[in-house]
Amino acid sequence: MASGIYEIRNKVNGNRYIGSAVDIERRLSHHNACLNTQHHGNVPLQRAWKKYGKDNFLFHELLFCDKEDLLFFEQRVLDNYENLYNICRVAGNTLGYKHTSETKEKCRIAQKRQVETIGHPRLGTKHSAKTIEKMRKIPKTQKQRDAVAESNRNRVESEETQKKRTASIRAFYADPERSKEARRKIRASNRRKARR
């Protein structure tokens, strides 16, 4: 996890968006996801993304620094560049800010409404093999594992969902090669669980 200043640069006209983040890689990934699903909060950047296409944008780290120095360096960069997509030319962040429970509830309701009306922003998209591998390597605490297990135990599926799952499993095991590989993975997983 590296903190610092980054840019999203338009390779066609040289315009750029400047930002700072405690975790640059994660922040750039968030920008990319929002821009690809047309949900980015920066309207000028979103319009340019739509006009020029994602292949004409470069995500780039400008410098790395301690998180205490982020605003200082971001402001220096903002002061030295023109043709910016940034709406606000004054560096600022919400680092350490805690939302009230009322605000959290409003956000939850708004997000639920959005999913109900236009669908989930990631619906239909797939993680790359690289992302899946990164997610597998994230260490999970026992508390997290217990929470997932409890959630799975309490999940109630509709009859239609159960039928779909059964059909999917049957189709998977119909292929002898995949079946053999799946059994090997299950055996390996069970051995790991037994060692814990």
N, C-alpha and C. Protein backbone atom coordinates (compact mmCIF):
# COMPACT_ATOMS: atom_id res chain seq x y z
N MET A 1 0.85 -1.18 0.00
CA MET A 1 0.00 0.00 0.00
C MET A 1 0.89 1.24 0.00
N ALA A 2 0.85 2.02 -1.09
CA ALA A 2 1.69 3.20 -1.21
C ALA A 2 0.83 4.45 -1.30
N SER A 3 1.15 5.46 -0.50
CA SER A 3 0.40 6.72 -0.56
C SER A 3 1.17 7.72 -1.41
N GLY A 4 0.43 8.62 -2.04
CA GLY A 4 1.08 9.62 -2.87
C GLY A 4 0.11 10.34 -3.78
N ILE A 5 0.67 10.96 -4.81
CA ILE A 5 -0.10 11.77 -5.77
C ILE A 5 -0.14 11.03 -7.10
N TYR A 6 -1.29 11.09 -7.76
CA TYR A 6 -1.46 10.39 -9.04
C TYR A 6 -2.14 11.31 -10.05
N GLU A 7 -2.11 10.88 -11.31
CA GLU A 7 -2.83 11.62 -12.35
C GLU A 7 -3.55 10.63 -13.25
N ILE A 8 -4.65 11.11 -13.84
CA ILE A 8 -5.33 10.39 -14.92
C ILE A 8 -5.22 11.33 -16.10
N ARG A 9 -4.39 10.95 -17.08
CA ARG A 9 -4.08 11.88 -18.17
C ARG A 9 -4.71 11.45 -19.49
N ASN A 10 -5.29 12.42 -20.18
CA ASN A 10 -5.85 12.21 -21.51
C ASN A 10 -4.70 12.27 -22.52
N LYS A 11 -4.42 11.17 -23.19
CA LYS A 11 -3.29 11.10 -24.12
C LYS A 11 -3.54 11.90 -25.40
N VAL A 12 -4.80 12.23 -25.67
CA VAL A 12 -5.13 12.97 -26.90
C VAL A 12 -4.87 14.46 -26.74
N ASN A 13 -5.39 15.07 -25.65
CA ASN A 13 -5.25 16.53 -25.50
C ASN A 13 -4.38 16.95 -24.31
N GLY A 14 -3.88 16.00 -23.54
CA GLY A 14 -2.98 16.32 -22.43
C GLY A 14 -3.68 16.77 -21.16
N ASN A 15 -5.01 16.89 -21.16
CA ASN A 15 -5.72 17.27 -19.94
C ASN A 15 -5.57 16.17 -18.89
N ARG A 16 -5.62 16.56 -17.63
CA ARG A 16 -5.40 15.57 -16.59
C ARG A 16 -6.22 15.84 -15.33
N TYR A 17 -6.41 14.76 -14.59
CA TYR A 17 -7.04 14.84 -13.28
C TYR A 17 -5.98 14.51 -12.25
N ILE A 18 -5.82 15.36 -11.24
CA ILE A 18 -4.81 15.15 -10.20
C ILE A 18 -5.52 14.74 -8.92
N GLY A 19 -4.97 13.76 -8.23
CA GLY A 19 -5.54 13.33 -6.96
C GLY A 19 -4.48 12.81 -6.02
N SER A 20 -4.88 12.61 -4.77
CA SER A 20 -3.97 12.04 -3.78
C SER A 20 -4.71 10.90 -3.08
N ALA A 21 -3.96 9.92 -2.59
CA ALA A 21 -4.59 8.78 -1.94
C ALA A 21 -3.63 8.11 -0.98
N VAL A 22 -4.19 7.54 0.08
CA VAL A 22 -3.40 6.77 1.03
C VAL A 22 -2.95 5.46 0.37
N ASP A 23 -3.81 4.91 -0.49
CA ASP A 23 -3.48 3.70 -1.26
C ASP A 23 -3.75 4.00 -2.74
N ILE A 24 -2.70 4.39 -3.47
CA ILE A 24 -2.86 4.84 -4.85
C ILE A 24 -3.46 3.76 -5.74
N GLU A 25 -2.95 2.54 -5.62
CA GLU A 25 -3.42 1.46 -6.49
C GLU A 25 -4.92 1.24 -6.32
N ARG A 26 -5.37 1.23 -5.07
CA ARG A 26 -6.79 1.03 -4.80
C ARG A 26 -7.62 2.19 -5.33
N ARG A 27 -7.11 3.41 -5.14
CA ARG A 27 -7.84 4.61 -5.60
C ARG A 27 -7.97 4.64 -7.12
N LEU A 28 -6.90 4.31 -7.82
CA LEU A 28 -6.94 4.30 -9.28
C LEU A 28 -7.89 3.22 -9.78
N SER A 29 -7.91 2.10 -9.10
CA SER A 29 -8.83 1.02 -9.45
C SER A 29 -10.28 1.48 -9.28
N HIS A 30 -10.54 2.25 -8.21
CA HIS A 30 -11.88 2.79 -7.97
C HIS A 30 -12.27 3.77 -9.08
N HIS A 31 -11.34 4.67 -9.43
CA HIS A 31 -11.60 5.62 -10.54
C HIS A 31 -11.97 4.85 -11.81
N ASN A 32 -11.17 3.84 -12.13
CA ASN A 32 -11.38 3.05 -13.34
C ASN A 32 -12.76 2.40 -13.36
N ALA A 33 -13.14 1.81 -12.23
CA ALA A 33 -14.46 1.15 -12.13
C ALA A 33 -15.58 2.15 -12.31
N CYS A 34 -15.47 3.31 -11.65
CA CYS A 34 -16.52 4.34 -11.75
C CYS A 34 -16.62 4.90 -13.17
N LEU A 35 -15.49 5.15 -13.80
CA LEU A 35 -15.49 5.69 -15.16
C LEU A 35 -16.08 4.68 -16.15
N ASN A 36 -15.73 3.41 -15.99
CA ASN A 36 -16.23 2.38 -16.91
C ASN A 36 -17.72 2.14 -16.78
N THR A 37 -18.27 2.40 -15.59
CA THR A 37 -19.71 2.17 -15.38
C THR A 37 -20.50 3.48 -15.45
N GLN A 38 -19.85 4.56 -15.86
CA GLN A 38 -20.51 5.87 -16.01
C GLN A 38 -21.06 6.40 -14.69
N HIS A 39 -20.34 6.15 -13.58
CA HIS A 39 -20.79 6.61 -12.27
C HIS A 39 -19.78 7.53 -11.59
N HIS A 40 -18.85 8.09 -12.35
CA HIS A 40 -17.81 8.92 -11.73
C HIS A 40 -18.39 10.26 -11.29
N GLY A 41 -17.96 10.73 -10.14
CA GLY A 41 -18.47 11.99 -9.60
C GLY A 41 -17.95 13.22 -10.30
N ASN A 42 -16.84 13.10 -11.04
CA ASN A 42 -16.28 14.25 -11.76
C ASN A 42 -16.84 14.26 -13.18
N VAL A 43 -17.79 15.17 -13.43
CA VAL A 43 -18.50 15.19 -14.72
C VAL A 43 -17.57 15.47 -15.90
N PRO A 44 -16.67 16.48 -15.83
CA PRO A 44 -15.78 16.72 -16.98
C PRO A 44 -14.92 15.50 -17.34
N LEU A 45 -14.41 14.82 -16.32
CA LEU A 45 -13.59 13.63 -16.57
C LEU A 45 -14.43 12.52 -17.17
N GLN A 46 -15.65 12.31 -16.64
CA GLN A 46 -16.53 11.27 -17.15
C GLN A 46 -16.90 11.52 -18.62
N ARG A 47 -17.18 12.79 -18.96
CA ARG A 47 -17.53 13.12 -20.35
C ARG A 47 -16.35 12.88 -21.28
N ALA A 48 -15.16 13.25 -20.83
CA ALA A 48 -13.96 13.03 -21.65
C ALA A 48 -13.70 11.53 -21.84
N TRP A 49 -13.91 10.76 -20.79
CA TRP A 49 -13.74 9.30 -20.85
C TRP A 49 -14.68 8.71 -21.90
N LYS A 50 -15.91 9.20 -21.89
CA LYS A 50 -16.91 8.71 -22.86
C LYS A 50 -16.56 9.15 -24.28
N LYS A 51 -16.08 10.38 -24.42
CA LYS A 51 -15.76 10.93 -25.75
C LYS A 51 -14.52 10.27 -26.37
N TYR A 52 -13.45 10.14 -25.59
CA TYR A 52 -12.17 9.67 -26.14
C TYR A 52 -11.95 8.16 -25.97
N GLY A 53 -12.67 7.54 -25.05
CA GLY A 53 -12.49 6.11 -24.82
C GLY A 53 -11.40 5.82 -23.81
N LYS A 54 -11.55 4.71 -23.10
CA LYS A 54 -10.62 4.39 -22.01
C LYS A 54 -9.19 4.15 -22.47
N ASP A 55 -9.01 3.74 -23.73
CA ASP A 55 -7.66 3.47 -24.22
C ASP A 55 -6.83 4.75 -24.38
N ASN A 56 -7.49 5.91 -24.35
CA ASN A 56 -6.79 7.18 -24.50
C ASN A 56 -6.51 7.86 -23.16
N PHE A 57 -6.59 7.09 -22.07
CA PHE A 57 -6.28 7.64 -20.75
C PHE A 57 -5.18 6.82 -20.09
N LEU A 58 -4.32 7.53 -19.38
CA LEU A 58 -3.19 6.91 -18.71
C LEU A 58 -3.32 7.16 -17.20
N PHE A 59 -3.29 6.09 -16.42
CA PHE A 59 -3.28 6.18 -14.96
C PHE A 59 -1.82 6.12 -14.53
N HIS A 60 -1.37 7.12 -13.77
CA HIS A 60 0.06 7.22 -13.51
C HIS A 60 0.32 7.80 -12.12
N GLU A 61 1.26 7.18 -11.37
CA GLU A 61 1.68 7.73 -10.08
C GLU A 61 2.70 8.84 -10.34
N LEU A 62 2.50 10.02 -9.73
CA LEU A 62 3.44 11.12 -9.92
C LEU A 62 4.53 11.10 -8.86
N LEU A 63 4.14 10.89 -7.60
CA LEU A 63 5.14 10.80 -6.54
C LEU A 63 4.56 10.07 -5.34
N PHE A 64 5.44 9.49 -4.54
CA PHE A 64 5.03 8.80 -3.33
C PHE A 64 5.47 9.64 -2.12
N CYS A 65 4.62 9.68 -1.10
CA CYS A 65 4.94 10.45 0.10
C CYS A 65 4.15 9.89 1.28
N ASP A 66 4.47 10.38 2.48
CA ASP A 66 3.72 9.99 3.67
C ASP A 66 2.32 10.56 3.59
N LYS A 67 1.36 9.89 4.23
CA LYS A 67 -0.03 10.35 4.12
C LYS A 67 -0.22 11.73 4.76
N GLU A 68 0.64 12.10 5.72
CA GLU A 68 0.54 13.43 6.34
C GLU A 68 0.89 14.54 5.36
N ASP A 69 1.65 14.21 4.30
CA ASP A 69 2.10 15.23 3.33
C ASP A 69 1.27 15.25 2.05
N LEU A 70 0.22 14.44 1.98
CA LEU A 70 -0.56 14.31 0.74
C LEU A 70 -1.12 15.65 0.25
N LEU A 71 -1.79 16.38 1.14
CA LEU A 71 -2.41 17.64 0.72
C LEU A 71 -1.39 18.67 0.28
N PHE A 72 -0.26 18.71 0.97
CA PHE A 72 0.80 19.66 0.61
C PHE A 72 1.27 19.42 -0.83
N PHE A 73 1.62 18.16 -1.13
CA PHE A 73 2.14 17.86 -2.47
C PHE A 73 1.05 17.93 -3.55
N GLU A 74 -0.17 17.52 -3.19
CA GLU A 74 -1.26 17.61 -4.18
C GLU A 74 -1.49 19.07 -4.58
N GLN A 75 -1.46 19.98 -3.59
CA GLN A 75 -1.67 21.40 -3.90
C GLN A 75 -0.55 21.94 -4.78
N ARG A 76 0.70 21.51 -4.51
CA ARG A 76 1.83 21.97 -5.35
C ARG A 76 1.62 21.54 -6.81
N VAL A 77 1.16 20.29 -6.99
CA VAL A 77 0.94 19.78 -8.35
C VAL A 77 -0.22 20.53 -9.01
N LEU A 78 -1.31 20.73 -8.29
CA LEU A 78 -2.46 21.45 -8.84
C LEU A 78 -2.07 22.87 -9.26
N ASP A 79 -1.20 23.51 -8.48
CA ASP A 79 -0.76 24.88 -8.79
C ASP A 79 0.11 24.95 -10.03
N ASN A 80 0.77 23.84 -10.38
CA ASN A 80 1.73 23.87 -11.50
C ASN A 80 1.19 23.30 -12.81
N TYR A 81 -0.05 22.82 -12.82
CA TYR A 81 -0.62 22.28 -14.04
C TYR A 81 -1.82 23.09 -14.49
N GLU A 82 -1.99 23.18 -15.79
CA GLU A 82 -3.19 23.79 -16.37
C GLU A 82 -3.97 22.69 -17.07
N ASN A 83 -5.12 23.05 -17.64
CA ASN A 83 -5.98 22.09 -18.36
C ASN A 83 -6.29 20.86 -17.49
N LEU A 84 -6.86 21.13 -16.34
CA LEU A 84 -7.19 20.06 -15.41
C LEU A 84 -8.68 19.71 -15.47
N TYR A 85 -8.97 18.45 -15.24
CA TYR A 85 -10.36 18.01 -15.10
C TYR A 85 -10.87 18.27 -13.68
N ASN A 86 -9.96 18.57 -12.75
CA ASN A 86 -10.36 18.80 -11.36
C ASN A 86 -11.35 19.95 -11.27
N ILE A 87 -12.46 19.72 -10.60
CA ILE A 87 -13.47 20.76 -10.42
C ILE A 87 -12.99 21.75 -9.37
N CYS A 88 -12.41 21.23 -8.29
CA CYS A 88 -11.88 22.09 -7.22
C CYS A 88 -10.36 22.14 -7.35
N ARG A 89 -9.81 23.36 -7.35
CA ARG A 89 -8.35 23.52 -7.48
C ARG A 89 -7.66 23.62 -6.13
N VAL A 90 -8.37 23.35 -5.06
CA VAL A 90 -7.77 23.37 -3.73
C VAL A 90 -7.77 21.94 -3.20
N ALA A 91 -6.59 21.47 -2.81
CA ALA A 91 -6.46 20.09 -2.32
C ALA A 91 -7.22 19.91 -1.01
N GLY A 92 -7.93 18.82 -0.91
CA GLY A 92 -8.67 18.50 0.32
C GLY A 92 -8.99 17.03 0.34
N ASN A 93 -9.29 16.50 1.52
CA ASN A 93 -9.68 15.10 1.61
C ASN A 93 -10.58 14.88 2.81
N THR A 94 -11.09 13.68 2.94
CA THR A 94 -11.98 13.35 4.06
C THR A 94 -11.30 12.33 4.98
N LEU A 95 -9.97 12.31 4.98
CA LEU A 95 -9.21 11.36 5.77
C LEU A 95 -9.54 11.54 7.26
N GLY A 96 -9.99 10.46 7.88
CA GLY A 96 -10.32 10.51 9.31
C GLY A 96 -11.74 10.94 9.61
N TYR A 97 -12.49 11.38 8.59
CA TYR A 97 -13.87 11.82 8.82
C TYR A 97 -14.78 10.62 9.01
N LYS A 98 -15.65 10.68 10.00
CA LYS A 98 -16.59 9.59 10.27
C LYS A 98 -18.00 10.06 9.96
N HIS A 99 -18.72 9.32 9.10
CA HIS A 99 -20.11 9.64 8.81
C HIS A 99 -20.99 9.29 10.00
N THR A 100 -22.06 10.07 10.16
CA THR A 100 -23.02 9.75 11.21
C THR A 100 -23.84 8.54 10.79
N SER A 101 -24.47 7.88 11.75
CA SER A 101 -25.30 6.71 11.42
C SER A 101 -26.46 7.11 10.52
N GLU A 102 -26.95 8.35 10.68
CA GLU A 102 -28.05 8.84 9.83
C GLU A 102 -27.59 8.95 8.37
N THR A 103 -26.37 9.48 8.16
CA THR A 103 -25.83 9.62 6.81
C THR A 103 -25.58 8.24 6.19
N LYS A 104 -25.06 7.32 6.99
CA LYS A 104 -24.81 5.96 6.49
C LYS A 104 -26.11 5.31 6.03
N GLU A 105 -27.18 5.52 6.81
CA GLU A 105 -28.48 4.94 6.46
C GLU A 105 -29.01 5.54 5.16
N LYS A 106 -28.84 6.86 4.99
CA LYS A 106 -29.27 7.53 3.75
C LYS A 106 -28.51 6.98 2.55
N CYS A 107 -27.20 6.77 2.72
CA CYS A 107 -26.38 6.21 1.63
C CYS A 107 -26.83 4.80 1.28
N ARG A 108 -27.11 4.00 2.32
CA ARG A 108 -27.56 2.62 2.11
C ARG A 108 -28.87 2.59 1.32
N ILE A 109 -29.81 3.45 1.69
CA ILE A 109 -31.11 3.51 1.00
C ILE A 109 -30.93 3.97 -0.45
N ALA A 110 -30.08 4.99 -0.64
CA ALA A 110 -29.84 5.51 -2.00
C ALA A 110 -29.21 4.45 -2.88
N GLN A 111 -28.25 3.70 -2.33
CA GLN A 111 -27.58 2.65 -3.10
C GLN A 111 -28.55 1.53 -3.45
N LYS A 112 -29.40 1.17 -2.49
CA LYS A 112 -30.39 0.12 -2.72
C LYS A 112 -31.36 0.55 -3.83
N ARG A 113 -31.78 1.82 -3.79
CA ARG A 113 -32.68 2.35 -4.81
C ARG A 113 -32.03 2.32 -6.19
N GLN A 114 -30.72 2.66 -6.23
CA GLN A 114 -30.00 2.66 -7.50
C GLN A 114 -29.93 1.26 -8.09
N VAL A 115 -29.63 0.27 -7.23
CA VAL A 115 -29.55 -1.11 -7.71
C VAL A 115 -30.90 -1.59 -8.22
N GLU A 116 -31.97 -1.19 -7.53
CA GLU A 116 -33.32 -1.61 -7.94
C GLU A 116 -33.74 -0.98 -9.26
N THR A 117 -33.32 0.28 -9.51
CA THR A 117 -33.76 0.97 -10.73
C THR A 117 -32.88 0.71 -11.93
N ILE A 118 -31.53 0.79 -11.74
CA ILE A 118 -30.65 0.64 -12.92
C ILE A 118 -29.75 -0.57 -12.84
N GLY A 119 -29.82 -1.33 -11.75
CA GLY A 119 -28.97 -2.51 -11.62
C GLY A 119 -27.65 -2.17 -10.95
N HIS A 120 -26.96 -3.19 -10.50
CA HIS A 120 -25.68 -3.00 -9.83
C HIS A 120 -24.64 -2.54 -10.85
N PRO A 121 -23.78 -1.54 -10.49
CA PRO A 121 -22.80 -1.04 -11.46
C PRO A 121 -21.84 -2.09 -12.00
N ARG A 122 -21.59 -3.16 -11.23
CA ARG A 122 -20.67 -4.20 -11.69
C ARG A 122 -21.38 -5.39 -12.30
N LEU A 123 -22.71 -5.30 -12.40
CA LEU A 123 -23.49 -6.40 -12.95
C LEU A 123 -23.04 -6.71 -14.38
N GLY A 124 -22.69 -7.94 -14.65
CA GLY A 124 -22.27 -8.33 -15.99
C GLY A 124 -20.77 -8.20 -16.22
N THR A 125 -20.05 -7.56 -15.29
CA THR A 125 -18.60 -7.43 -15.45
C THR A 125 -17.91 -8.57 -14.72
N LYS A 126 -16.70 -8.88 -15.14
CA LYS A 126 -15.95 -9.98 -14.53
C LYS A 126 -14.60 -9.47 -14.07
N HIS A 127 -14.12 -10.01 -12.95
CA HIS A 127 -12.78 -9.67 -12.47
C HIS A 127 -11.74 -10.33 -13.37
N SER A 128 -10.62 -9.64 -13.55
CA SER A 128 -9.53 -10.23 -14.31
C SER A 128 -8.87 -11.31 -13.47
N ALA A 129 -8.10 -12.18 -14.11
CA ALA A 129 -7.40 -13.26 -13.40
C ALA A 129 -6.44 -12.67 -12.36
N LYS A 130 -5.83 -11.53 -12.69
CA LYS A 130 -4.90 -10.88 -11.78
C LYS A 130 -5.63 -10.41 -10.51
N THR A 131 -6.82 -9.82 -10.69
CA THR A 131 -7.61 -9.34 -9.55
C THR A 131 -8.07 -10.50 -8.67
N ILE A 132 -8.51 -11.58 -9.31
CA ILE A 132 -8.97 -12.76 -8.55
C ILE A 132 -7.82 -13.31 -7.72
N GLU A 133 -6.62 -13.36 -8.30
CA GLU A 133 -5.45 -13.86 -7.58
C GLU A 133 -5.13 -12.97 -6.39
N LYS A 134 -5.24 -11.64 -6.57
CA LYS A 134 -4.99 -10.71 -5.46
C LYS A 134 -6.00 -10.92 -4.34
N MET A 135 -7.27 -11.11 -4.72
CA MET A 135 -8.32 -11.30 -3.72
C MET A 135 -8.09 -12.59 -2.93
N ARG A 136 -7.57 -13.61 -3.59
CA ARG A 136 -7.29 -14.88 -2.89
C ARG A 136 -6.19 -14.72 -1.85
N LYS A 137 -5.26 -13.81 -2.13
CA LYS A 137 -4.11 -13.64 -1.24
C LYS A 137 -4.41 -12.76 -0.03
N ILE A 138 -5.56 -12.07 -0.03
CA ILE A 138 -5.90 -11.22 1.10
C ILE A 138 -6.15 -12.10 2.32
N PRO A 139 -5.38 -11.90 3.39
CA PRO A 139 -5.59 -12.75 4.57
C PRO A 139 -6.91 -12.42 5.26
N LYS A 140 -7.62 -13.45 5.65
CA LYS A 140 -8.90 -13.26 6.33
C LYS A 140 -8.74 -13.66 7.79
N THR A 141 -9.30 -12.85 8.67
CA THR A 141 -9.25 -13.19 10.09
C THR A 141 -10.31 -14.25 10.38
N GLN A 142 -10.18 -14.89 11.52
CA GLN A 142 -11.16 -15.91 11.92
C GLN A 142 -12.53 -15.27 12.06
N LYS A 143 -12.57 -14.03 12.53
CA LYS A 143 -13.85 -13.32 12.69
C LYS A 143 -14.54 -13.15 11.34
N GLN A 144 -13.77 -12.79 10.30
CA GLN A 144 -14.33 -12.64 8.96
C GLN A 144 -14.84 -13.97 8.42
N ARG A 145 -14.05 -15.04 8.63
CA ARG A 145 -14.47 -16.37 8.17
C ARG A 145 -15.77 -16.79 8.84
N ASP A 146 -15.86 -16.53 10.16
CA ASP A 146 -17.07 -16.89 10.90
C ASP A 146 -18.28 -16.11 10.40
N ALA A 147 -18.05 -14.82 10.08
CA ALA A 147 -19.16 -13.98 9.59
C ALA A 147 -19.68 -14.50 8.25
N VAL A 148 -18.76 -14.92 7.36
CA VAL A 148 -19.15 -15.46 6.05
C VAL A 148 -19.91 -16.76 6.23
N ALA A 149 -19.39 -17.62 7.11
CA ALA A 149 -20.04 -18.91 7.36
C ALA A 149 -21.45 -18.72 7.91
N GLU A 150 -21.59 -17.77 8.86
CA GLU A 150 -22.89 -17.48 9.46
C GLU A 150 -23.86 -16.94 8.42
N SER A 151 -23.35 -16.07 7.55
CA SER A 151 -24.18 -15.49 6.48
C SER A 151 -24.67 -16.59 5.54
N ASN A 152 -23.78 -17.52 5.20
CA ASN A 152 -24.17 -18.62 4.30
C ASN A 152 -25.19 -19.55 4.95
N ARG A 153 -25.05 -19.77 6.27
CA ARG A 153 -25.99 -20.65 6.97
C ARG A 153 -27.40 -20.05 7.00
N ASN A 154 -27.47 -18.72 7.13
CA ASN A 154 -28.77 -18.05 7.26
C ASN A 154 -29.39 -17.66 5.93
N ARG A 155 -28.70 -17.96 4.84
CA ARG A 155 -29.20 -17.55 3.53
C ARG A 155 -30.37 -18.44 3.11
N VAL A 156 -31.43 -17.80 2.66
CA VAL A 156 -32.60 -18.54 2.17
C VAL A 156 -32.72 -18.28 0.68
N GLU A 157 -32.68 -19.36 -0.10
CA GLU A 157 -32.75 -19.22 -1.55
C GLU A 157 -34.14 -19.59 -2.05
N SER A 158 -34.53 -18.94 -3.12
CA SER A 158 -35.81 -19.28 -3.73
C SER A 158 -35.67 -20.62 -4.45
N GLU A 159 -36.79 -21.21 -4.75
CA GLU A 159 -36.79 -22.50 -5.44
C GLU A 159 -36.14 -22.37 -6.82
N GLU A 160 -36.41 -21.23 -7.46
CA GLU A 160 -35.85 -20.98 -8.80
C GLU A 160 -34.32 -20.92 -8.74
N THR A 161 -33.79 -20.23 -7.71
CA THR A 161 -32.34 -20.12 -7.54
C THR A 161 -31.72 -21.48 -7.29
N GLN A 162 -32.37 -22.30 -6.48
CA GLN A 162 -31.88 -23.65 -6.19
C GLN A 162 -31.82 -24.49 -7.46
N LYS A 163 -32.84 -24.36 -8.32
CA LYS A 163 -32.87 -25.11 -9.58
C LYS A 163 -31.72 -24.67 -10.49
N LYS A 164 -31.49 -23.34 -10.54
CA LYS A 164 -30.40 -22.81 -11.37
C LYS A 164 -29.05 -23.33 -10.88
N ARG A 165 -28.87 -23.32 -9.55
CA ARG A 165 -27.61 -23.79 -8.98
C ARG A 165 -27.38 -25.27 -9.29
N THR A 166 -28.44 -26.07 -9.14
CA THR A 166 -28.34 -27.50 -9.43
C THR A 166 -27.98 -27.74 -10.89
N ALA A 167 -28.64 -27.01 -11.79
CA ALA A 167 -28.37 -27.16 -13.23
C ALA A 167 -26.93 -26.77 -13.54
N SER A 168 -26.45 -25.71 -12.90
CA SER A 168 -25.08 -25.24 -13.12
C SER A 168 -24.07 -26.29 -12.65
N ILE A 169 -24.31 -26.87 -11.47
CA ILE A 169 -23.40 -27.89 -10.93
C ILE A 169 -23.39 -29.13 -11.82
N ARG A 170 -24.57 -29.54 -12.28
CA ARG A 170 -24.65 -30.72 -13.16
C ARG A 170 -23.89 -30.48 -14.47
N ALA A 171 -24.04 -29.27 -15.02
CA ALA A 171 -23.35 -28.95 -16.27
C ALA A 171 -21.83 -28.97 -16.06
N PHE A 172 -21.41 -28.46 -14.89
CA PHE A 172 -19.97 -28.43 -14.59
C PHE A 172 -19.41 -29.84 -14.50
N TYR A 173 -20.10 -30.72 -13.77
CA TYR A 173 -19.60 -32.08 -13.56
C TYR A 173 -19.83 -32.99 -14.76
N ALA A 174 -20.57 -32.51 -15.76
CA ALA A 174 -20.76 -33.31 -16.98
C ALA A 174 -19.45 -33.41 -17.76
N ASP A 175 -18.59 -32.40 -17.62
CA ASP A 175 -17.29 -32.40 -18.29
C ASP A 175 -16.31 -33.18 -17.41
N PRO A 176 -15.81 -34.35 -17.86
CA PRO A 176 -14.96 -35.20 -17.01
C PRO A 176 -13.68 -34.51 -16.54
N GLU A 177 -13.06 -33.69 -17.40
CA GLU A 177 -11.82 -33.02 -17.03
C GLU A 177 -12.04 -32.01 -15.90
N ARG A 178 -13.10 -31.20 -16.07
CA ARG A 178 -13.41 -30.21 -15.04
C ARG A 178 -13.79 -30.91 -13.74
N SER A 179 -14.52 -32.00 -13.86
CA SER A 179 -14.95 -32.76 -12.69
C SER A 179 -13.74 -33.25 -11.90
N LYS A 180 -12.75 -33.78 -12.62
CA LYS A 180 -11.54 -34.31 -11.98
C LYS A 180 -10.79 -33.18 -11.26
N GLU A 181 -10.66 -32.03 -11.94
CA GLU A 181 -9.96 -30.88 -11.36
C GLU A 181 -10.72 -30.35 -10.13
N ALA A 182 -12.05 -30.30 -10.22
CA ALA A 182 -12.86 -29.81 -9.10
C ALA A 182 -12.69 -30.71 -7.88
N ARG A 183 -12.70 -32.03 -8.11
CA ARG A 183 -12.53 -32.96 -6.99
C ARG A 183 -11.16 -32.80 -6.33
N ARG A 184 -10.14 -32.58 -7.17
CA ARG A 184 -8.79 -32.38 -6.65
C ARG A 184 -8.74 -31.14 -5.75
N LYS A 185 -9.38 -30.05 -6.20
CA LYS A 185 -9.39 -28.81 -5.41
C LYS A 185 -10.15 -28.99 -4.10
N ILE A 186 -11.27 -29.70 -4.15
CA ILE A 186 -12.06 -29.94 -2.94
C ILE A 186 -11.26 -30.74 -1.93
N ARG A 187 -10.56 -31.79 -2.41
CA ARG A 187 -9.73 -32.61 -1.52
C ARG A 187 -8.64 -31.75 -0.86
N ALA A 188 -7.99 -30.91 -1.68
CA ALA A 188 -6.92 -30.05 -1.15
C ALA A 188 -7.47 -29.07 -0.12
N SER A 189 -8.65 -28.52 -0.39
CA SER A 189 -9.28 -27.59 0.54
C SER A 189 -9.64 -28.27 1.85
N ASN A 190 -10.17 -29.48 1.76
CA ASN A 190 -10.54 -30.23 2.97
C ASN A 190 -9.31 -30.56 3.81
N ARG A 191 -8.18 -30.88 3.14
CA ARG A 191 -6.95 -31.16 3.87
C ARG A 191 -6.47 -29.93 4.64
N ARG A 192 -6.56 -28.74 3.96
CA ARG A 192 -6.15 -27.49 4.62
C ARG A 192 -7.02 -27.21 5.83
N LYS A 193 -8.33 -27.41 5.69
CA LYS A 193 -9.26 -27.17 6.81
C LYS A 193 -8.97 -28.12 7.97
N ALA A 194 -8.60 -29.38 7.66
CA ALA A 194 -8.33 -30.37 8.71
C ALA A 194 -7.09 -30.00 9.51
N ARG A 195 -6.12 -29.32 8.86
CA ARG A 195 -4.89 -28.94 9.55
C ARG A 195 -5.10 -27.80 10.53
N ARG A 196 -6.15 -26.98 10.34
CA ARG A 196 -6.38 -25.80 11.19
C ARG A 196 -6.74 -26.19 12.60
